Amino acid sequence: MLKDTVKKKLGYIVKNEREHLGLSQSALAEHAGVSIRTISDIETCNGNPELATLIPLAKYLKISLDAIIHEDPQETDHTTYQILEELQNCSEEDRLIALRTLRELLAALKEKDQINKPHF
């Protein structure tokens, strides 16, 4: 039986990802191979979905069930898990390119913040 906090987290993440993809509950249910009622119950934090239901749903939405289930305050946030999931689908060479690109982007953002910081 899922704890209320896990149900809320699951419901929020599923709804957020579904809307991000521009899908209706019906379309998500069809793509993930689950019922519309299941999607509705998850998003409204009702019911206790079975693992056999959650796995295809999580795979389709590219969300980490581990991130949802663990309540450790030190856990990796959802966005970081999405980034890791995307990187897992890349070759090692492409991951290195992505890492260099990310480092350059973060450096540029930090520089922008320094320029925009008020000087007294």
C-alpha atoms as a PDB file:
ATOM      1  CA  MET A   1       0.000   0.000   0.000  1.00  0.00           C
ATOM      2  CA  LEU A   2       1.464   3.350  -1.005  1.00  0.00           C
ATOM      3  CA  LYS A   3       1.908   6.021   1.658  1.00  0.00           C
ATOM      4  CA  ASP A   4       0.027   9.275   1.106  1.00  0.00           C
ATOM      5  CA  THR A   5       3.233  11.245   0.476  1.00  0.00           C
ATOM      6  CA  VAL A   6       4.321   8.772  -2.196  1.00  0.00           C
ATOM      7  CA  LYS A   7       0.851   8.855  -3.782  1.00  0.00           C
ATOM      8  CA  LYS A   8       0.955  12.664  -3.896  1.00  0.00           C
ATOM      9  CA  LYS A   9       4.435  12.692  -5.387  1.00  0.00           C
ATOM     10  CA  LEU A  10       3.471  10.072  -7.977  1.00  0.00           C
ATOM     11  CA  GLY A  11       0.281  11.915  -8.873  1.00  0.00           C
ATOM     12  CA  TYR A  12       2.069  15.238  -9.251  1.00  0.00           C
ATOM     13  CA  ILE A  13       4.858  13.830 -11.398  1.00  0.00           C
ATOM     14  CA  VAL A  14       2.568  11.804 -13.679  1.00  0.00           C
ATOM     15  CA  LYS A  15       0.237  14.757 -14.243  1.00  0.00           C
ATOM     16  CA  ASN A  16       3.144  17.151 -14.775  1.00  0.00           C
ATOM     17  CA  GLU A  17       4.833  14.882 -17.327  1.00  0.00           C
ATOM     18  CA  ARG A  18       1.556  14.131 -19.103  1.00  0.00           C
ATOM     19  CA  GLU A  19       0.801  17.837 -19.458  1.00  0.00           C
ATOM     20  CA  HIS A  20       4.405  18.550 -20.489  1.00  0.00           C
ATOM     21  CA  LEU A  21       3.940  16.058 -23.336  1.00  0.00           C
ATOM     22  CA  GLY A  22       0.597  17.646 -24.236  1.00  0.00           C
ATOM     23  CA  LEU A  23      -1.321  14.417 -23.682  1.00  0.00           C
ATOM     24  CA  SER A  24      -4.814  13.859 -22.388  1.00  0.00           C
ATOM     25  CA  GLN A  25      -5.333  11.210 -19.730  1.00  0.00           C
ATOM     26  CA  SER A  26      -6.873   9.037 -22.431  1.00  0.00           C
ATOM     27  CA  ALA A  27      -3.868   9.391 -24.752  1.00  0.00           C
ATOM     28  CA  LEU A  28      -1.408   8.635 -21.940  1.00  0.00           C
ATOM     29  CA  ALA A  29      -3.425   5.575 -20.927  1.00  0.00           C
ATOM     30  CA  GLU A  30      -3.352   4.301 -24.513  1.00  0.00           C
ATOM     31  CA  HIS A  31       0.406   4.902 -24.946  1.00  0.00           C
ATOM     32  CA  ALA A  32       1.286   3.301 -21.601  1.00  0.00           C
ATOM     33  CA  GLY A  33      -1.151   0.417 -21.981  1.00  0.00           C
ATOM     34  CA  VAL A  34      -3.151   1.189 -18.834  1.00  0.00           C
ATOM     35  CA  SER A  35      -6.736   2.261 -18.232  1.00  0.00           C
ATOM     36  CA  ILE A  36      -7.896   5.881 -18.172  1.00  0.00           C
ATOM     37  CA  ARG A  37      -9.266   5.189 -14.693  1.00  0.00           C
ATOM     38  CA  THR A  38      -5.753   4.226 -13.557  1.00  0.00           C
ATOM     39  CA  ILE A  39      -4.302   7.504 -14.830  1.00  0.00           C
ATOM     40  CA  SER A  40      -7.111   9.446 -13.171  1.00  0.00           C
ATOM     41  CA  ASP A  41      -6.672   7.583  -9.871  1.00  0.00           C
ATOM     42  CA  ILE A  42      -2.912   8.171  -9.877  1.00  0.00           C
ATOM     43  CA  GLU A  43      -3.244  11.874 -10.647  1.00  0.00           C
ATOM     44  CA  THR A  44      -5.874  12.365  -7.932  1.00  0.00           C
ATOM     45  CA  CYS A  45      -3.848  10.303  -5.422  1.00  0.00           C
ATOM     46  CA  ASN A  46      -6.533   7.603  -5.152  1.00  0.00           C
ATOM     47  CA  GLY A  47      -6.103   3.861  -5.314  1.00  0.00           C
ATOM     48  CA  ASN A  48      -2.963   1.775  -5.101  1.00  0.00           C
ATOM     49  CA  PRO A  49      -1.570   1.088  -8.573  1.00  0.00           C
ATOM     50  CA  GLU A  50       0.218  -2.213  -8.998  1.00  0.00           C
ATOM     51  CA  LEU A  51       3.866  -2.374 -10.009  1.00  0.00           C
ATOM     52  CA  ALA A  52       2.803  -4.020 -13.281  1.00  0.00           C
ATOM     53  CA  THR A  53       0.885  -0.793 -14.007  1.00  0.00           C
ATOM     54  CA  LEU A  54       3.538   1.629 -12.799  1.00  0.00           C
ATOM     55  CA  ILE A  55       6.431   0.173 -14.802  1.00  0.00           C
ATOM     56  CA  PRO A  56       5.041   0.783 -18.324  1.00  0.00           C
ATOM     57  CA  LEU A  57       3.714   4.165 -17.228  1.00  0.00           C
ATOM     58  CA  ALA A  58       7.102   5.203 -15.801  1.00  0.00           C
ATOM     59  CA  LYS A  59       8.918   3.933 -18.897  1.00  0.00           C
ATOM     60  CA  TYR A  60       6.649   5.858 -21.250  1.00  0.00           C
ATOM     61  CA  LEU A  61       6.939   9.073 -19.217  1.00  0.00           C
ATOM     62  CA  LYS A  62      10.657   8.510 -18.566  1.00  0.00           C
ATOM     63  CA  ILE A  63      10.252   8.972 -14.835  1.00  0.00           C
ATOM     64  CA  SER A  64      12.109   7.176 -12.068  1.00  0.00           C
ATOM     65  CA  LEU A  65       9.995   5.105  -9.718  1.00  0.00           C
ATOM     66  CA  ASP A  66      12.968   5.114  -7.375  1.00  0.00           C
ATOM     67  CA  ALA A  67      12.776   8.906  -7.099  1.00  0.00           C
ATOM     68  CA  ILE A  68       9.074   8.686  -6.285  1.00  0.00           C
ATOM     69  CA  ILE A  69       9.253   5.898  -3.728  1.00  0.00           C
ATOM     70  CA  HIS A  70      12.219   7.108  -1.697  1.00  0.00           C
ATOM     71  CA  GLU A  71      11.386   9.859   0.759  1.00  0.00           C
ATOM     72  CA  ASP A  72      14.995  10.722   1.595  1.00  0.00           C
ATOM     73  CA  PRO A  73      15.322  14.533   1.620  1.00  0.00           C
ATOM     74  CA  GLN A  74      18.747  14.122   0.016  1.00  0.00           C
ATOM     75  CA  GLU A  75      17.302  12.313  -3.000  1.00  0.00           C
ATOM     76  CA  THR A  76      17.986  13.527  -6.488  1.00  0.00           C
ATOM     77  CA  ASP A  77      15.238  15.765  -7.813  1.00  0.00           C
ATOM     78  CA  HIS A  78      12.991  14.771 -10.696  1.00  0.00           C
ATOM     79  CA  THR A  79      14.676  17.019 -13.267  1.00  0.00           C
ATOM     80  CA  THR A  80      18.080  15.501 -12.504  1.00  0.00           C
ATOM     81  CA  TYR A  81      16.630  12.013 -12.954  1.00  0.00           C
ATOM     82  CA  GLN A  82      15.230  13.066 -16.330  1.00  0.00           C
ATOM     83  CA  ILE A  83      18.650  14.343 -17.377  1.00  0.00           C
ATOM     84  CA  LEU A  84      20.277  11.090 -16.267  1.00  0.00           C
ATOM     85  CA  GLU A  85      17.669   9.072 -18.156  1.00  0.00           C
ATOM     86  CA  GLU A  86      18.363  11.027 -21.337  1.00  0.00           C
ATOM     87  CA  LEU A  87      22.107  10.541 -20.920  1.00  0.00           C
ATOM     88  CA  GLN A  88      21.727   6.789 -20.440  1.00  0.00           C
ATOM     89  CA  ASN A  89      20.387   6.599 -23.988  1.00  0.00           C
ATOM     90  CA  CYS A  90      23.562   8.202 -25.383  1.00  0.00           C
ATOM     91  CA  SER A  91      26.912   6.746 -26.321  1.00  0.00           C
ATOM     92  CA  GLU A  92      29.881   7.475 -24.060  1.00  0.00           C
ATOM     93  CA  GLU A  93      31.226   9.940 -26.640  1.00  0.00           C
ATOM     94  CA  ASP A  94      27.889  11.775 -26.751  1.00  0.00           C
ATOM     95  CA  ARG A  95      27.750  11.888 -22.925  1.00  0.00           C
ATOM     96  CA  LEU A  96      31.176  13.542 -22.874  1.00  0.00           C
ATOM     97  CA  ILE A  97      29.994  16.112 -25.416  1.00  0.00           C
ATOM     98  CA  ALA A  98      26.867  16.726 -23.321  1.00  0.00           C
ATOM     99  CA  LEU A  99      29.006  17.158 -20.193  1.00  0.00           C
ATOM    100  CA  ARG A 100      31.266  19.730 -21.859  1.00  0.00           C
ATOM    101  CA  THR A 101      28.228  21.551 -23.228  1.00  0.00           C
ATOM    102  CA  LEU A 102      26.547  21.568 -19.822  1.00  0.00           C
ATOM    103  CA  ARG A 103      29.680  22.915 -18.150  1.00  0.00           C
ATOM    104  CA  GLU A 104      29.935  25.723 -20.716  1.00  0.00           C
ATOM    105  CA  LEU A 105      26.233  26.540 -20.300  1.00  0.00           C
ATOM    106  CA  LEU A 106      26.516  26.677 -16.493  1.00  0.00           C
ATOM    107  CA  ALA A 107      29.614  28.877 -16.730  1.00  0.00           C
ATOM    108  CA  ALA A 108      27.749  31.264 -19.067  1.00  0.00           C
ATOM    109  CA  LEU A 109      24.761  31.367 -16.704  1.00  0.00           C
ATOM    110  CA  LYS A 110      27.036  32.107 -13.751  1.00  0.00           C
ATOM    111  CA  GLU A 111      28.746  34.866 -15.742  1.00  0.00           C
ATOM    112  CA  LYS A 112      25.348  36.337 -16.671  1.00  0.00           C
ATOM    113  CA  ASP A 113      24.328  36.351 -13.004  1.00  0.00           C
ATOM    114  CA  GLN A 114      27.548  38.165 -12.092  1.00  0.00           C
ATOM    115  CA  ILE A 115      26.982  40.800 -14.764  1.00  0.00           C
ATOM    116  CA  ASN A 116      23.360  41.336 -13.699  1.00  0.00           C
ATOM    117  CA  LYS A 117      24.202  41.504  -9.998  1.00  0.00           C
ATOM    118  CA  PRO A 118      23.683  45.044  -8.661  1.00  0.00           C
ATOM    119  CA  HIS A 119      26.945  46.838  -7.902  1.00  0.00           C
ATOM    120  CA  PHE A 120      26.924  49.354  -5.065  1.00  0.00           C
END
